[in-house]
């Protein structure tokens, strides 16, 4: 009786431990690519946030109110019609509680 058919041949792992591998249906190289891209974008986002902070500081140094600038930027992101509806609702509510 030949027992060698049940024995698997030893094959040393020649891959580097840091190389991405496919494990449990997860494509390691593809996953690593996504992670690398996200990390790079996070670094860019951090740099842009720092630049925006510098611009606000510059505006403040020139005498502008940065809270108002932030509010204007926020308002400009909203559709004109939706902004008008929100303004009307705000005025209605303020009137209802006697603010104006």
N, C-alpha and C. Protein backbone atom coordinates (compact mmCIF):
# COMPACT_ATOMS: atom_id res chain seq x y z
N UNK A 1 0.84 -1.18 0.00
CA UNK A 1 0.00 0.00 0.00
C UNK A 1 0.88 1.24 0.00
N UNK A 2 0.59 2.16 -0.89
CA UNK A 2 1.42 3.35 -1.05
C UNK A 2 0.79 4.52 -0.31
N UNK A 3 1.46 5.04 0.74
CA UNK A 3 0.93 6.15 1.54
C UNK A 3 1.34 7.51 1.01
N UNK A 4 2.12 7.56 -0.01
CA UNK A 4 2.60 8.84 -0.52
C UNK A 4 1.52 9.65 -1.21
N UNK A 5 0.44 9.04 -1.63
CA UNK A 5 -0.62 9.78 -2.32
C UNK A 5 -1.39 10.70 -1.37
N UNK A 6 -1.37 10.40 -0.08
CA UNK A 6 -2.07 11.23 0.91
C UNK A 6 -1.19 12.33 1.50
N UNK A 7 0.04 12.37 1.15
CA UNK A 7 0.98 13.34 1.70
C UNK A 7 1.19 14.45 0.68
N UNK A 8 0.98 15.68 1.12
CA UNK A 8 1.22 16.80 0.22
C UNK A 8 2.68 17.19 0.30
N UNK A 9 3.20 17.57 -0.81
CA UNK A 9 4.60 17.95 -0.89
C UNK A 9 4.80 19.32 -0.26
N UNK A 10 5.83 19.48 0.55
CA UNK A 10 6.14 20.76 1.18
C UNK A 10 6.62 21.76 0.14
N UNK A 11 5.96 22.91 0.12
CA UNK A 11 6.38 23.98 -0.78
C UNK A 11 6.61 25.23 0.06
N UNK A 12 7.83 25.67 0.15
CA UNK A 12 8.13 26.84 0.98
C UNK A 12 7.43 28.08 0.43
N UNK A 13 7.01 28.95 1.34
CA UNK A 13 6.37 30.21 0.98
C UNK A 13 7.46 31.19 0.54
N UNK A 14 7.49 31.47 -0.75
CA UNK A 14 8.54 32.35 -1.27
C UNK A 14 8.09 33.80 -1.35
N UNK A 15 6.84 34.08 -1.02
CA UNK A 15 6.37 35.47 -1.09
C UNK A 15 6.80 36.23 0.15
N UNK A 16 6.99 37.51 -0.01
CA UNK A 16 7.34 38.39 1.08
C UNK A 16 6.10 38.58 1.95
N UNK A 17 6.26 38.64 3.25
CA UNK A 17 5.12 38.78 4.16
C UNK A 17 4.34 40.07 3.91
N UNK A 18 4.99 41.09 3.36
CA UNK A 18 4.31 42.36 3.13
C UNK A 18 3.63 42.43 1.76
N UNK A 19 3.86 41.41 0.92
CA UNK A 19 3.20 41.38 -0.39
C UNK A 19 1.73 41.08 -0.21
N UNK A 20 0.84 41.82 -0.92
CA UNK A 20 -0.59 41.52 -0.81
C UNK A 20 -0.90 40.16 -1.41
N UNK A 21 -1.82 39.45 -0.78
CA UNK A 21 -2.20 38.13 -1.25
C UNK A 21 -3.72 38.03 -1.26
N UNK A 22 -4.21 37.12 -2.08
CA UNK A 22 -5.64 36.84 -2.10
C UNK A 22 -5.94 35.89 -0.94
N UNK A 23 -6.82 36.33 -0.05
CA UNK A 23 -7.14 35.53 1.12
C UNK A 23 -8.66 35.52 1.31
N UNK A 24 -9.24 34.38 1.41
CA UNK A 24 -10.67 34.25 1.68
C UNK A 24 -11.53 34.98 0.67
N UNK A 25 -11.14 34.98 -0.57
CA UNK A 25 -11.91 35.64 -1.62
C UNK A 25 -11.65 37.14 -1.72
N UNK A 26 -10.71 37.65 -0.94
CA UNK A 26 -10.37 39.07 -0.98
C UNK A 26 -9.11 39.25 -1.82
N UNK A 27 -9.21 40.05 -2.86
CA UNK A 27 -8.07 40.31 -3.75
C UNK A 27 -7.13 41.28 -3.05
N UNK A 28 -6.04 40.77 -2.53
CA UNK A 28 -5.11 41.56 -1.73
C UNK A 28 -4.51 42.74 -2.47
N UNK A 29 -4.09 42.55 -3.72
CA UNK A 29 -3.47 43.64 -4.48
C UNK A 29 -4.47 44.75 -4.74
N UNK A 30 -5.70 44.38 -5.06
CA UNK A 30 -6.75 45.37 -5.34
C UNK A 30 -7.07 46.16 -4.07
N UNK A 31 -7.19 45.45 -2.95
CA UNK A 31 -7.47 46.09 -1.66
C UNK A 31 -6.35 47.06 -1.28
N UNK A 32 -5.12 46.61 -1.44
CA UNK A 32 -3.97 47.47 -1.11
C UNK A 32 -3.96 48.71 -1.99
N UNK A 33 -4.35 48.56 -3.25
CA UNK A 33 -4.43 49.70 -4.16
C UNK A 33 -5.43 50.74 -3.66
N UNK A 34 -6.61 50.27 -3.21
CA UNK A 34 -7.61 51.18 -2.67
C UNK A 34 -7.08 51.89 -1.42
N UNK A 35 -6.47 51.12 -0.54
CA UNK A 35 -5.96 51.70 0.71
C UNK A 35 -4.88 52.74 0.42
N UNK A 36 -3.96 52.43 -0.50
CA UNK A 36 -2.91 53.38 -0.87
C UNK A 36 -3.50 54.67 -1.43
N UNK A 37 -4.50 54.54 -2.29
CA UNK A 37 -5.14 55.73 -2.88
C UNK A 37 -5.83 56.57 -1.81
N UNK A 38 -6.54 55.91 -0.89
CA UNK A 38 -7.23 56.63 0.18
C UNK A 38 -6.23 57.36 1.06
N UNK A 39 -5.15 56.69 1.41
CA UNK A 39 -4.13 57.33 2.25
C UNK A 39 -3.52 58.55 1.56
N UNK A 40 -3.27 58.44 0.27
CA UNK A 40 -2.71 59.56 -0.48
C UNK A 40 -3.71 60.72 -0.52
N UNK A 41 -4.98 60.43 -0.74
CA UNK A 41 -6.01 61.47 -0.77
C UNK A 41 -6.20 62.11 0.61
N UNK A 42 -6.09 61.31 1.67
CA UNK A 42 -6.18 61.86 3.03
C UNK A 42 -5.05 62.86 3.29
N UNK A 43 -3.86 62.55 2.79
CA UNK A 43 -2.73 63.48 2.93
C UNK A 43 -3.00 64.77 2.17
N UNK A 44 -3.54 64.63 0.95
CA UNK A 44 -3.87 65.81 0.15
C UNK A 44 -4.97 66.62 0.83
N UNK A 45 -5.97 65.93 1.40
CA UNK A 45 -7.06 66.60 2.09
C UNK A 45 -6.54 67.41 3.27
N UNK A 46 -5.60 66.83 3.99
CA UNK A 46 -5.00 67.51 5.13
C UNK A 46 -4.26 68.78 4.68
N UNK A 47 -3.54 68.66 3.58
CA UNK A 47 -2.81 69.82 3.05
C UNK A 47 -3.79 70.91 2.60
N UNK A 48 -4.88 70.52 1.95
CA UNK A 48 -5.89 71.48 1.49
C UNK A 48 -6.57 72.14 2.68
N UNK A 49 -6.89 71.36 3.71
CA UNK A 49 -7.51 71.92 4.92
C UNK A 49 -6.60 72.97 5.54
N UNK A 50 -5.32 72.71 5.54
CA UNK A 50 -4.35 73.66 6.07
C UNK A 50 -4.34 74.95 5.22
N UNK A 51 -4.42 74.79 3.90
CA UNK A 51 -4.47 75.96 3.01
C UNK A 51 -5.73 76.78 3.24
N UNK A 52 -6.86 76.11 3.43
CA UNK A 52 -8.12 76.81 3.68
C UNK A 52 -8.03 77.58 5.00
N UNK A 53 -7.45 76.97 6.00
CA UNK A 53 -7.27 77.62 7.29
C UNK A 53 -6.43 78.89 7.12
N UNK A 54 -5.39 78.80 6.31
CA UNK A 54 -4.53 79.96 6.06
C UNK A 54 -5.30 81.09 5.38
N UNK A 55 -6.19 80.74 4.44
CA UNK A 55 -6.98 81.76 3.74
C UNK A 55 -7.93 82.44 4.71
N UNK A 56 -8.58 81.67 5.59
CA UNK A 56 -9.46 82.27 6.60
C UNK A 56 -8.66 83.20 7.51
N UNK A 57 -7.47 82.79 7.90
CA UNK A 57 -6.63 83.63 8.76
C UNK A 57 -6.26 84.92 8.04
N UNK A 58 -5.97 84.81 6.75
CA UNK A 58 -5.65 85.99 5.96
C UNK A 58 -6.85 86.93 5.87
N UNK A 59 -8.03 86.36 5.63
CA UNK A 59 -9.25 87.17 5.55
C UNK A 59 -9.51 87.85 6.89
N UNK A 60 -9.33 87.13 7.98
CA UNK A 60 -9.53 87.70 9.31
C UNK A 60 -8.52 88.82 9.57
N UNK A 61 -7.30 88.60 9.14
CA UNK A 61 -6.25 89.62 9.32
C UNK A 61 -6.53 90.89 8.55
N UNK A 62 -7.33 90.78 7.49
CA UNK A 62 -7.69 91.97 6.70
C UNK A 62 -8.95 92.63 7.23
N UNK A 63 -9.57 92.03 8.26
CA UNK A 63 -10.73 92.65 8.88
C UNK A 63 -12.07 92.01 8.56
N UNK A 64 -12.07 90.93 7.81
CA UNK A 64 -13.34 90.27 7.50
C UNK A 64 -13.73 89.32 8.62
N UNK A 65 -15.05 89.15 8.81
CA UNK A 65 -15.59 88.25 9.82
C UNK A 65 -15.65 86.84 9.22
N UNK A 66 -14.85 85.93 9.75
CA UNK A 66 -14.76 84.60 9.16
C UNK A 66 -16.03 83.77 9.38
N UNK A 67 -16.77 84.01 10.46
CA UNK A 67 -18.02 83.29 10.67
C UNK A 67 -19.01 83.63 9.56
N UNK A 68 -19.03 84.88 9.15
CA UNK A 68 -19.92 85.30 8.08
C UNK A 68 -19.46 84.72 6.75
N UNK A 69 -18.17 84.69 6.52
CA UNK A 69 -17.64 84.10 5.30
C UNK A 69 -18.02 82.62 5.23
N UNK A 70 -17.87 81.91 6.34
CA UNK A 70 -18.23 80.49 6.38
C UNK A 70 -19.72 80.30 6.08
N UNK A 71 -20.55 81.19 6.62
CA UNK A 71 -21.99 81.10 6.39
C UNK A 71 -22.31 81.32 4.91
N UNK A 72 -21.65 82.31 4.30
CA UNK A 72 -21.88 82.58 2.87
C UNK A 72 -21.46 81.37 2.03
N UNK A 73 -20.33 80.78 2.35
CA UNK A 73 -19.87 79.60 1.61
C UNK A 73 -20.88 78.46 1.76
N UNK A 74 -21.39 78.28 2.96
CA UNK A 74 -22.41 77.26 3.21
C UNK A 74 -23.68 77.54 2.39
N UNK A 75 -24.11 78.79 2.36
CA UNK A 75 -25.31 79.16 1.62
C UNK A 75 -25.13 78.98 0.12
N UNK A 76 -23.95 79.26 -0.38
CA UNK A 76 -23.70 79.13 -1.82
C UNK A 76 -23.75 77.68 -2.30
N UNK A 77 -23.59 76.74 -1.38
CA UNK A 77 -23.65 75.33 -1.73
C UNK A 77 -25.09 74.85 -1.95
N UNK A 78 -26.05 75.61 -1.42
CA UNK A 78 -27.45 75.21 -1.47
C UNK A 78 -28.11 75.80 -2.72
N UNK A 79 -28.97 75.01 -3.33
CA UNK A 79 -29.75 75.45 -4.48
C UNK A 79 -30.53 76.73 -4.12
N UNK A 80 -30.60 77.67 -5.06
CA UNK A 80 -31.24 78.96 -4.82
C UNK A 80 -32.66 78.81 -4.31
N UNK A 81 -33.44 77.94 -4.92
CA UNK A 81 -34.83 77.75 -4.51
C UNK A 81 -34.92 77.18 -3.11
N UNK A 82 -34.10 76.20 -2.79
CA UNK A 82 -34.11 75.61 -1.45
C UNK A 82 -33.65 76.63 -0.41
N UNK A 83 -32.69 77.45 -0.78
CA UNK A 83 -32.22 78.49 0.14
C UNK A 83 -33.33 79.49 0.41
N UNK A 84 -34.08 79.88 -0.63
CA UNK A 84 -35.18 80.84 -0.46
C UNK A 84 -36.26 80.25 0.44
N UNK A 85 -36.58 78.97 0.24
CA UNK A 85 -37.58 78.31 1.09
C UNK A 85 -37.12 78.28 2.54
N UNK A 86 -35.86 77.97 2.77
CA UNK A 86 -35.32 77.92 4.14
C UNK A 86 -35.36 79.31 4.77
N UNK A 87 -35.04 80.35 4.00
CA UNK A 87 -35.09 81.73 4.51
C UNK A 87 -36.52 82.11 4.90
N UNK A 88 -37.48 81.74 4.04
CA UNK A 88 -38.89 82.04 4.33
C UNK A 88 -39.34 81.32 5.59
N UNK A 89 -38.95 80.05 5.75
CA UNK A 89 -39.32 79.28 6.94
C UNK A 89 -38.70 79.90 8.18
N UNK A 90 -37.45 80.33 8.08
CA UNK A 90 -36.79 80.98 9.20
C UNK A 90 -37.53 82.25 9.61
N UNK A 91 -37.89 83.06 8.63
CA UNK A 91 -38.63 84.29 8.92
C UNK A 91 -39.98 83.98 9.57
N UNK A 92 -40.67 82.96 9.07
CA UNK A 92 -41.96 82.56 9.63
C UNK A 92 -41.81 82.16 11.09
N UNK A 93 -40.82 81.32 11.38
CA UNK A 93 -40.60 80.86 12.73
C UNK A 93 -40.20 82.01 13.66
N UNK A 94 -39.34 82.88 13.18
CA UNK A 94 -38.93 84.03 14.00
C UNK A 94 -40.14 84.91 14.31
N UNK A 95 -41.00 85.12 13.34
CA UNK A 95 -42.20 85.92 13.53
C UNK A 95 -43.12 85.24 14.53
N UNK A 96 -43.23 83.92 14.45
CA UNK A 96 -44.12 83.17 15.33
C UNK A 96 -43.70 83.27 16.79
N UNK A 97 -42.42 83.44 17.06
CA UNK A 97 -41.97 83.55 18.45
C UNK A 97 -41.68 84.99 18.86
N UNK A 98 -42.04 85.93 17.97
CA UNK A 98 -41.91 87.34 18.30
C UNK A 98 -40.52 87.90 18.20
N UNK A 99 -39.68 87.32 17.39
CA UNK A 99 -38.33 87.86 17.23
C UNK A 99 -38.32 89.05 16.30
N UNK A 100 -39.33 89.19 15.44
CA UNK A 100 -39.37 90.33 14.52
C UNK A 100 -40.76 90.83 14.34
